[in-house]
Amino acid sequence: RLNHTEYAQPAIVAIEIGLARLWESWGIVPAAVVGHSVGEIAAAHIAGALDLDEAMRIVLHRGRLMERATGTGKMAAVFLSAADVHREIGRFGDRLSVAAANSPQSAVISGESAAVDAMVAEWQSRGIGCRPLPVDYAFHSAQMGPFRDELIRALGEVNARKTFIPMISTVTGKVVTGPDLNAIYWGENIRRPVLFGTAIQEMLDRGYRTIVEIGAHPVLATAMQECLSAAHSEGVALPSL
């Protein structure tokens, strides 16, 4: 059942929160937090904005709704900047979206299956590194518009407090506080692109140089290192698992 979004998303958040608390038990306390997609729920909890019950309420509604998107699209990773990808996919209109800008040189596209397949084939024919992701949904694309609206209605009033650790948003690329993390924010979190590279750059601009990755799989460690290299930083990105 972990292959199903409605189970996977709560499990991912639970693992991330558990890893953060384990690091804290060893005396490693974050100076700031960043979350990628569903990871923003864990980040908001660690930052102090959401208590555990509220964090899990949000992820349960999110996973349940996004499970319904299964079978409606595809996603693919490509070694191009988000700006380049925007130009490349423009002719597809709402059929394709930039789902994530993970570093200055890597992005993810999302959308209708045929459109994703066409773009991947074209990039591969031109020698541009890209690979389809092993999913059958189109998160962070125009297909998420109705789910965004439904999630906002399902969540209603979100009990969010003031953060005591800075949280840098991958929805806006800037610091967000407790009041920002309302139902509308979590709706935008599933629709808008994940500005991970922008958020990591904001961390570097603030002087942070040691990044500890707490995902269930260190898939983002490469993107973090690419951000560090692009900024000519001497920092380090460390995976937990």
C-alpha atoms as a PDB file:
ATOM      1  CA  ARG A   1       0.000   0.000   0.000  1.00  0.00           C
ATOM      2  CA  LEU A   2       2.995   2.322   0.287  1.00  0.00           C
ATOM      3  CA  ASN A   3       2.873   2.570  -3.503  1.00  0.00           C
ATOM      4  CA  HIS A   4      -0.394   4.475  -3.084  1.00  0.00           C
ATOM      5  CA  THR A   5      -0.195   8.223  -2.495  1.00  0.00           C
ATOM      6  CA  GLU A   6      -2.756   8.222   0.322  1.00  0.00           C
ATOM      7  CA  TYR A   7      -0.459   5.967   2.372  1.00  0.00           C
ATOM      8  CA  ALA A   8       2.915   7.127   1.065  1.00  0.00           C
ATOM      9  CA  GLN A   9       2.490  10.804   1.923  1.00  0.00           C
ATOM     10  CA  PRO A  10       1.695  10.321   5.636  1.00  0.00           C
ATOM     11  CA  ALA A  11       4.522   7.770   5.831  1.00  0.00           C
ATOM     12  CA  ILE A  12       7.008  10.210   4.263  1.00  0.00           C
ATOM     13  CA  VAL A  13       6.044  12.974   6.670  1.00  0.00           C
ATOM     14  CA  ALA A  14       6.275  10.596   9.638  1.00  0.00           C
ATOM     15  CA  ILE A  15       9.776   9.479   8.588  1.00  0.00           C
ATOM     16  CA  GLU A  16      10.937  13.068   8.115  1.00  0.00           C
ATOM     17  CA  ILE A  17       9.620  14.179  11.492  1.00  0.00           C
ATOM     18  CA  GLY A  18      11.117  11.109  13.131  1.00  0.00           C
ATOM     19  CA  LEU A  19      14.532  11.759  11.577  1.00  0.00           C
ATOM     20  CA  ALA A  20      14.449  15.419  12.622  1.00  0.00           C
ATOM     21  CA  ARG A  21      13.661  14.426  16.209  1.00  0.00           C
ATOM     22  CA  LEU A  22      16.425  11.807  16.144  1.00  0.00           C
ATOM     23  CA  TRP A  23      18.978  14.419  15.027  1.00  0.00           C
ATOM     24  CA  GLU A  24      17.700  16.742  17.764  1.00  0.00           C
ATOM     25  CA  SER A  25      18.175  13.983  20.358  1.00  0.00           C
ATOM     26  CA  TRP A  26      21.840  13.939  19.318  1.00  0.00           C
ATOM     27  CA  GLY A  27      22.105  17.722  19.744  1.00  0.00           C
ATOM     28  CA  ILE A  28      21.758  18.644  16.068  1.00  0.00           C
ATOM     29  CA  VAL A  29      19.098  21.384  15.954  1.00  0.00           C
ATOM     30  CA  PRO A  30      18.247  23.118  12.647  1.00  0.00           C
ATOM     31  CA  ALA A  31      18.887  26.823  12.193  1.00  0.00           C
ATOM     32  CA  ALA A  32      16.282  26.833   9.399  1.00  0.00           C
ATOM     33  CA  VAL A  33      14.124  24.300   7.556  1.00  0.00           C
ATOM     34  CA  VAL A  34      13.054  23.714   3.952  1.00  0.00           C
ATOM     35  CA  GLY A  35      10.500  21.152   2.743  1.00  0.00           C
ATOM     36  CA  HIS A  36      10.048  19.696  -0.740  1.00  0.00           C
ATOM     37  CA  SER A  37       6.380  19.268  -1.751  1.00  0.00           C
ATOM     38  CA  VAL A  38       4.742  17.113   0.953  1.00  0.00           C
ATOM     39  CA  GLY A  39       7.919  17.629   3.005  1.00  0.00           C
ATOM     40  CA  GLU A  40       6.750  21.179   3.707  1.00  0.00           C
ATOM     41  CA  ILE A  41       4.262  19.713   6.173  1.00  0.00           C
ATOM     42  CA  ALA A  42       7.101  18.117   8.134  1.00  0.00           C
ATOM     43  CA  ALA A  43       9.095  21.354   7.857  1.00  0.00           C
ATOM     44  CA  ALA A  44       6.174  23.376   9.249  1.00  0.00           C
ATOM     45  CA  HIS A  45       5.922  21.000  12.212  1.00  0.00           C
ATOM     46  CA  ILE A  46       9.659  21.109  12.946  1.00  0.00           C
ATOM     47  CA  ALA A  47       9.571  24.915  12.629  1.00  0.00           C
ATOM     48  CA  GLY A  48       6.883  24.998  15.332  1.00  0.00           C
ATOM     49  CA  ALA A  49       4.002  26.237  13.159  1.00  0.00           C
ATOM     50  CA  LEU A  50       1.951  23.035  13.258  1.00  0.00           C
ATOM     51  CA  ASP A  51       1.488  20.619  16.121  1.00  0.00           C
ATOM     52  CA  LEU A  52       1.683  16.931  15.238  1.00  0.00           C
ATOM     53  CA  ASP A  53      -2.093  16.428  15.052  1.00  0.00           C
ATOM     54  CA  GLU A  54      -2.536  19.353  12.670  1.00  0.00           C
ATOM     55  CA  ALA A  55       0.412  18.284  10.503  1.00  0.00           C
ATOM     56  CA  MET A  56      -1.023  14.793  10.121  1.00  0.00           C
ATOM     57  CA  ARG A  57      -4.528  16.146   9.470  1.00  0.00           C
ATOM     58  CA  ILE A  58      -3.153  18.160   6.559  1.00  0.00           C
ATOM     59  CA  VAL A  59      -1.152  15.286   5.070  1.00  0.00           C
ATOM     60  CA  LEU A  60      -4.054  12.854   5.391  1.00  0.00           C
ATOM     61  CA  HIS A  61      -6.391  15.174   3.470  1.00  0.00           C
ATOM     62  CA  ARG A  62      -3.619  15.927   0.952  1.00  0.00           C
ATOM     63  CA  GLY A  63      -2.771  12.286   0.309  1.00  0.00           C
ATOM     64  CA  ARG A  64      -6.415  11.232   0.069  1.00  0.00           C
ATOM     65  CA  LEU A  65      -7.176  13.876  -2.551  1.00  0.00           C
ATOM     66  CA  MET A  66      -3.988  13.400  -4.553  1.00  0.00           C
ATOM     67  CA  GLU A  67      -4.542   9.634  -4.670  1.00  0.00           C
ATOM     68  CA  ARG A  68      -7.444  10.417  -7.002  1.00  0.00           C
ATOM     69  CA  ALA A  69      -4.986  11.900  -9.514  1.00  0.00           C
ATOM     70  CA  THR A  70      -3.371   8.490 -10.048  1.00  0.00           C
ATOM     71  CA  GLY A  71      -3.489   7.376 -13.672  1.00  0.00           C
ATOM     72  CA  THR A  72      -4.033  10.846 -15.080  1.00  0.00           C
ATOM     73  CA  GLY A  73      -0.518  11.911 -16.060  1.00  0.00           C
ATOM     74  CA  LYS A  74       3.244  11.535 -15.863  1.00  0.00           C
ATOM     75  CA  MET A  75       6.340  13.333 -14.611  1.00  0.00           C
ATOM     76  CA  ALA A  76       9.946  13.452 -15.808  1.00  0.00           C
ATOM     77  CA  ALA A  77      13.242  14.883 -14.571  1.00  0.00           C
ATOM     78  CA  VAL A  78      15.472  16.860 -16.918  1.00  0.00           C
ATOM     79  CA  PHE A  79      18.922  18.398 -16.625  1.00  0.00           C
ATOM     80  CA  LEU A  80      17.946  21.896 -17.661  1.00  0.00           C
ATOM     81  CA  SER A  81      17.199  25.073 -15.745  1.00  0.00           C
ATOM     82  CA  ALA A  82      13.563  25.818 -14.963  1.00  0.00           C
ATOM     83  CA  ALA A  83      13.743  28.890 -17.228  1.00  0.00           C
ATOM     84  CA  ASP A  84      14.938  26.759 -20.145  1.00  0.00           C
ATOM     85  CA  VAL A  85      12.230  24.181 -19.468  1.00  0.00           C
ATOM     86  CA  HIS A  86       9.536  26.879 -19.440  1.00  0.00           C
ATOM     87  CA  ARG A  87      10.641  27.950 -22.915  1.00  0.00           C
ATOM     88  CA  GLU A  88      10.833  24.370 -24.167  1.00  0.00           C
ATOM     89  CA  ILE A  89       7.353  23.321 -23.017  1.00  0.00           C
ATOM     90  CA  GLY A  90       5.547  26.579 -23.825  1.00  0.00           C
ATOM     91  CA  ARG A  91       3.941  25.182 -26.958  1.00  0.00           C
ATOM     92  CA  PHE A  92       2.085  22.574 -24.881  1.00  0.00           C
ATOM     93  CA  GLY A  93       0.146  25.173 -22.860  1.00  0.00           C
ATOM     94  CA  ASP A  94      -1.552  23.706 -19.796  1.00  0.00           C
ATOM     95  CA  ARG A  95      -0.767  20.171 -20.960  1.00  0.00           C
ATOM     96  CA  LEU A  96       2.704  20.488 -19.397  1.00  0.00           C
ATOM     97  CA  SER A  97       3.960  22.341 -16.330  1.00  0.00           C
ATOM     98  CA  VAL A  98       7.261  22.829 -14.546  1.00  0.00           C
ATOM     99  CA  ALA A  99       6.602  20.815 -11.396  1.00  0.00           C
ATOM    100  CA  ALA A 100       9.869  21.514  -9.609  1.00  0.00           C
ATOM    101  CA  ALA A 101      13.007  23.626  -9.969  1.00  0.00           C
ATOM    102  CA  ASN A 102      15.372  21.571  -7.839  1.00  0.00           C
ATOM    103  CA  SER A 103      18.658  23.285  -8.703  1.00  0.00           C
ATOM    104  CA  PRO A 104      20.021  25.750 -11.261  1.00  0.00           C
ATOM    105  CA  GLN A 105      20.484  22.825 -13.661  1.00  0.00           C
ATOM    106  CA  SER A 106      17.702  20.354 -12.888  1.00  0.00           C
ATOM    107  CA  ALA A 107      13.927  20.492 -13.079  1.00  0.00           C
ATOM    108  CA  VAL A 108      10.868  18.253 -13.235  1.00  0.00           C
ATOM    109  CA  ILE A 109       8.005  18.440 -15.728  1.00  0.00           C
ATOM    110  CA  SER A 110       4.483  17.213 -15.096  1.00  0.00           C
ATOM    111  CA  GLY A 111       1.321  16.887 -17.132  1.00  0.00           C
ATOM    112  CA  GLU A 112      -0.569  14.840 -19.678  1.00  0.00           C
ATOM    113  CA  SER A 113       1.079  11.498 -20.417  1.00  0.00           C
ATOM    114  CA  ALA A 114       1.365  11.995 -24.181  1.00  0.00           C
ATOM    115  CA  ALA A 115       2.856  15.460 -23.761  1.00  0.00           C
ATOM    116  CA  VAL A 116       5.444  14.253 -21.230  1.00  0.00           C
ATOM    117  CA  ASP A 117       6.375  11.339 -23.506  1.00  0.00           C
ATOM    118  CA  ALA A 118       6.779  13.680 -26.484  1.00  0.00           C
ATOM    119  CA  MET A 119       8.993  16.088 -24.573  1.00  0.00           C
ATOM    120  CA  VAL A 120      11.164  13.309 -23.140  1.00  0.00           C
ATOM    121  CA  ALA A 121      11.635  11.764 -26.589  1.00  0.00           C
ATOM    122  CA  GLU A 122      12.613  15.135 -28.032  1.00  0.00           C
ATOM    123  CA  TRP A 123      15.113  15.881 -25.286  1.00  0.00           C
ATOM    124  CA  GLN A 124      16.659  12.426 -25.551  1.00  0.00           C
ATOM    125  CA  SER A 125      17.020  12.830 -29.330  1.00  0.00           C
ATOM    126  CA  ARG A 126      18.927  16.068 -28.684  1.00  0.00           C
ATOM    127  CA  GLY A 127      21.205  14.476 -26.106  1.00  0.00           C
ATOM    128  CA  ILE A 128      19.686  16.346 -23.154  1.00  0.00           C
ATOM    129  CA  GLY A 129      19.714  14.256 -19.981  1.00  0.00           C
ATOM    130  CA  CYS A 130      16.202  13.374 -18.873  1.00  0.00           C
ATOM    131  CA  ARG A 131      14.315  10.411 -17.482  1.00  0.00           C
ATOM    132  CA  PRO A 132      10.669   9.597 -16.836  1.00  0.00           C
ATOM    133  CA  LEU A 133       9.811   9.241 -13.147  1.00  0.00           C
ATOM    134  CA  PRO A 134       8.190   5.943 -12.069  1.00  0.00           C
ATOM    135  CA  VAL A 135       4.802   7.545 -11.348  1.00  0.00           C
ATOM    136  CA  ASP A 136       1.440   7.742 -13.119  1.00  0.00           C
ATOM    137  CA  TYR A 137       0.265  11.112 -11.864  1.00  0.00           C
ATOM    138  CA  ALA A 138       0.982  14.772 -12.634  1.00  0.00           C
ATOM    139  CA  PHE A 139       1.555  16.526  -9.316  1.00  0.00           C
ATOM    140  CA  HIS A 140       2.291  20.274  -9.347  1.00  0.00           C
ATOM    141  CA  SER A 141       0.667  20.680 -12.763  1.00  0.00           C
ATOM    142  CA  ALA A 142      -2.514  22.254 -14.103  1.00  0.00           C
ATOM    143  CA  GLN A 143      -4.238  18.948 -13.350  1.00  0.00           C
ATOM    144  CA  MET A 144      -3.947  19.811  -9.659  1.00  0.00           C
ATOM    145  CA  GLY A 145      -6.153  22.900  -9.955  1.00  0.00           C
ATOM    146  CA  PRO A 146      -9.393  21.181  -8.866  1.00  0.00           C
ATOM    147  CA  PHE A 147      -7.575  19.317  -6.089  1.00  0.00           C
ATOM    148  CA  ARG A 148      -6.095  22.592  -4.829  1.00  0.00           C
ATOM    149  CA  ASP A 149      -9.570  24.047  -4.439  1.00  0.00           C
ATOM    150  CA  GLU A 150     -10.907  20.878  -2.836  1.00  0.00           C
ATOM    151  CA  LEU A 151      -8.025  20.703  -0.360  1.00  0.00           C
ATOM    152  CA  ILE A 152      -8.627  24.304   0.690  1.00  0.00           C
ATOM    153  CA  ARG A 153     -12.264  23.478   1.422  1.00  0.00           C
ATOM    154  CA  ALA A 154     -11.425  20.221   3.210  1.00  0.00           C
ATOM    155  CA  LEU A 155      -8.851  21.823   5.515  1.00  0.00           C
ATOM    156  CA  GLY A 156     -10.961  24.802   6.536  1.00  0.00           C
ATOM    157  CA  GLU A 157      -9.232  26.748   9.284  1.00  0.00           C
ATOM    158  CA  VAL A 158      -5.649  25.631   9.851  1.00  0.00           C
ATOM    159  CA  ASN A 159      -4.326  25.978  13.381  1.00  0.00           C
ATOM    160  CA  ALA A 160      -0.909  27.461  12.611  1.00  0.00           C
ATOM    161  CA  ARG A 161       1.234  29.187  15.226  1.00  0.00           C
ATOM    162  CA  LYS A 162       4.239  31.450  14.963  1.00  0.00           C
ATOM    163  CA  THR A 163       7.363  29.582  13.877  1.00  0.00           C
ATOM    164  CA  PHE A 164      10.326  29.461  16.267  1.00  0.00           C
ATOM    165  CA  ILE A 165      12.695  28.150  13.581  1.00  0.00           C
ATOM    166  CA  PRO A 166      12.744  29.982  10.224  1.00  0.00           C
ATOM    167  CA  MET A 167      10.966  28.071   7.448  1.00  0.00           C
ATOM    168  CA  ILE A 168      11.897  28.914   3.882  1.00  0.00           C
ATOM    169  CA  SER A 169       8.997  28.119   1.582  1.00  0.00           C
ATOM    170  CA  THR A 170       9.340  26.138  -1.634  1.00  0.00           C
ATOM    171  CA  VAL A 171       6.029  27.678  -2.741  1.00  0.00           C
ATOM    172  CA  THR A 172       7.333  31.261  -2.560  1.00  0.00           C
ATOM    173  CA  GLY A 173      11.089  30.836  -2.126  1.00  0.00           C
ATOM    174  CA  LYS A 174      10.955  33.148   0.895  1.00  0.00           C
ATOM    175  CA  VAL A 175      10.590  32.842   4.660  1.00  0.00           C
ATOM    176  CA  VAL A 176       7.043  32.075   5.798  1.00  0.00           C
ATOM    177  CA  THR A 177       5.575  32.438   9.270  1.00  0.00           C
ATOM    178  CA  GLY A 178       2.759  30.615  11.030  1.00  0.00           C
ATOM    179  CA  PRO A 179      -0.102  32.822   9.761  1.00  0.00           C
ATOM    180  CA  ASP A 180       1.095  32.273   6.170  1.00  0.00           C
ATOM    181  CA  LEU A 181       0.495  28.527   6.448  1.00  0.00           C
ATOM    182  CA  ASN A 182      -3.268  28.608   6.054  1.00  0.00           C
ATOM    183  CA  ALA A 183      -5.493  26.379   3.921  1.00  0.00           C
ATOM    184  CA  ILE A 184      -4.830  28.477   0.819  1.00  0.00           C
ATOM    185  CA  TYR A 185      -1.092  27.965   1.278  1.00  0.00           C
ATOM    186  CA  TRP A 186      -1.465  24.178   1.403  1.00  0.00           C
ATOM    187  CA  GLY A 187      -3.685  24.322  -1.661  1.00  0.00           C
ATOM    188  CA  GLU A 188      -0.994  26.222  -3.540  1.00  0.00           C
ATOM    189  CA  ASN A 189       1.565  23.710  -2.246  1.00  0.00           C
ATOM    190  CA  ILE A 190       0.063  20.970  -4.450  1.00  0.00           C
ATOM    191  CA  ARG A 191      -0.520  23.152  -7.513  1.00  0.00           C
ATOM    192  CA  ARG A 192       2.478  25.459  -7.847  1.00  0.00           C
ATOM    193  CA  PRO A 193       6.011  24.366  -8.781  1.00  0.00           C
ATOM    194  CA  VAL A 194       8.374  23.347  -5.994  1.00  0.00           C
ATOM    195  CA  LEU A 195      10.988  26.132  -5.826  1.00  0.00           C
ATOM    196  CA  PHE A 196      13.514  23.955  -4.042  1.00  0.00           C
ATOM    197  CA  GLY A 197      16.595  25.476  -5.658  1.00  0.00           C
ATOM    198  CA  THR A 198      15.368  28.982  -4.837  1.00  0.00           C
ATOM    199  CA  ALA A 199      14.799  28.029  -1.193  1.00  0.00           C
ATOM    200  CA  ILE A 200      18.236  26.439  -0.891  1.00  0.00           C
ATOM    201  CA  GLN A 201      19.797  29.570  -2.415  1.00  0.00           C
ATOM    202  CA  GLU A 202      17.940  31.656   0.182  1.00  0.00           C
ATOM    203  CA  MET A 203      19.490  29.471   2.888  1.00  0.00           C
ATOM    204  CA  LEU A 204      22.951  30.000   1.386  1.00  0.00           C
ATOM    205  CA  ASP A 205      22.337  33.756   1.191  1.00  0.00           C
ATOM    206  CA  ARG A 206      21.564  33.661   4.918  1.00  0.00           C
ATOM    207  CA  GLY A 207      24.924  32.040   5.610  1.00  0.00           C
ATOM    208  CA  TYR A 208      23.860  28.438   6.200  1.00  0.00           C
ATOM    209  CA  ARG A 209      26.431  26.001   4.826  1.00  0.00           C
ATOM    210  CA  THR A 210      25.593  22.577   6.296  1.00  0.00           C
ATOM    211  CA  ILE A 211      22.429  20.974   4.943  1.00  0.00           C
ATOM    212  CA  VAL A 212      21.066  17.765   6.463  1.00  0.00           C
ATOM    213  CA  GLU A 213      18.606  15.935   4.213  1.00  0.00           C
ATOM    214  CA  ILE A 214      15.918  13.978   6.093  1.00  0.00           C
ATOM    215  CA  GLY A 215      13.906  12.282   3.359  1.00  0.00           C
ATOM    216  CA  ALA A 216      13.090   8.593   3.164  1.00  0.00           C
ATOM    217  CA  HIS A 217      15.566   8.404   0.259  1.00  0.00           C
ATOM    218  CA  PRO A 218      18.420  10.860  -0.399  1.00  0.00           C
ATOM    219  CA  VAL A 219      17.073  11.742  -3.847  1.00  0.00           C
ATOM    220  CA  LEU A 220      17.508  15.485  -3.190  1.00  0.00           C
ATOM    221  CA  ALA A 221      21.128  15.279  -2.026  1.00  0.00           C
ATOM    222  CA  THR A 222      22.377  15.714  -5.613  1.00  0.00           C
ATOM    223  CA  ALA A 223      20.211  18.786  -6.153  1.00  0.00           C
ATOM    224  CA  MET A 224      21.504  20.288  -2.900  1.00  0.00           C
ATOM    225  CA  GLN A 225      25.094  19.714  -3.986  1.00  0.00           C
ATOM    226  CA  GLU A 226      24.332  21.292  -7.367  1.00  0.00           C
ATOM    227  CA  CYS A 227      22.994  24.366  -5.555  1.00  0.00           C
ATOM    228  CA  LEU A 228      26.133  24.548  -3.432  1.00  0.00           C
ATOM    229  CA  SER A 229      28.382  24.194  -6.486  1.00  0.00           C
ATOM    230  CA  ALA A 230      26.470  26.823  -8.465  1.00  0.00           C
ATOM    231  CA  ALA A 231      26.880  29.247  -5.561  1.00  0.00           C
ATOM    232  CA  HIS A 232      30.605  28.394  -5.315  1.00  0.00           C
ATOM    233  CA  SER A 233      29.965  27.528  -1.692  1.00  0.00           C
ATOM    234  CA  GLU A 234      32.216  25.409   0.503  1.00  0.00           C
ATOM    235  CA  GLY A 235      29.149  23.919   2.201  1.00  0.00           C
ATOM    236  CA  VAL A 236      28.129  20.293   2.470  1.00  0.00           C
ATOM    237  CA  ALA A 237      24.877  18.380   1.969  1.00  0.00           C
ATOM    238  CA  LEU A 238      24.489  15.254   4.119  1.00  0.00           C
ATOM    239  CA  PRO A 239      21.810  12.566   3.688  1.00  0.00           C
ATOM    240  CA  SER A 240      20.279  10.898   6.742  1.00  0.00           C
ATOM    241  CA  LEU A 241      19.289   7.576   5.142  1.00  0.00           C
END
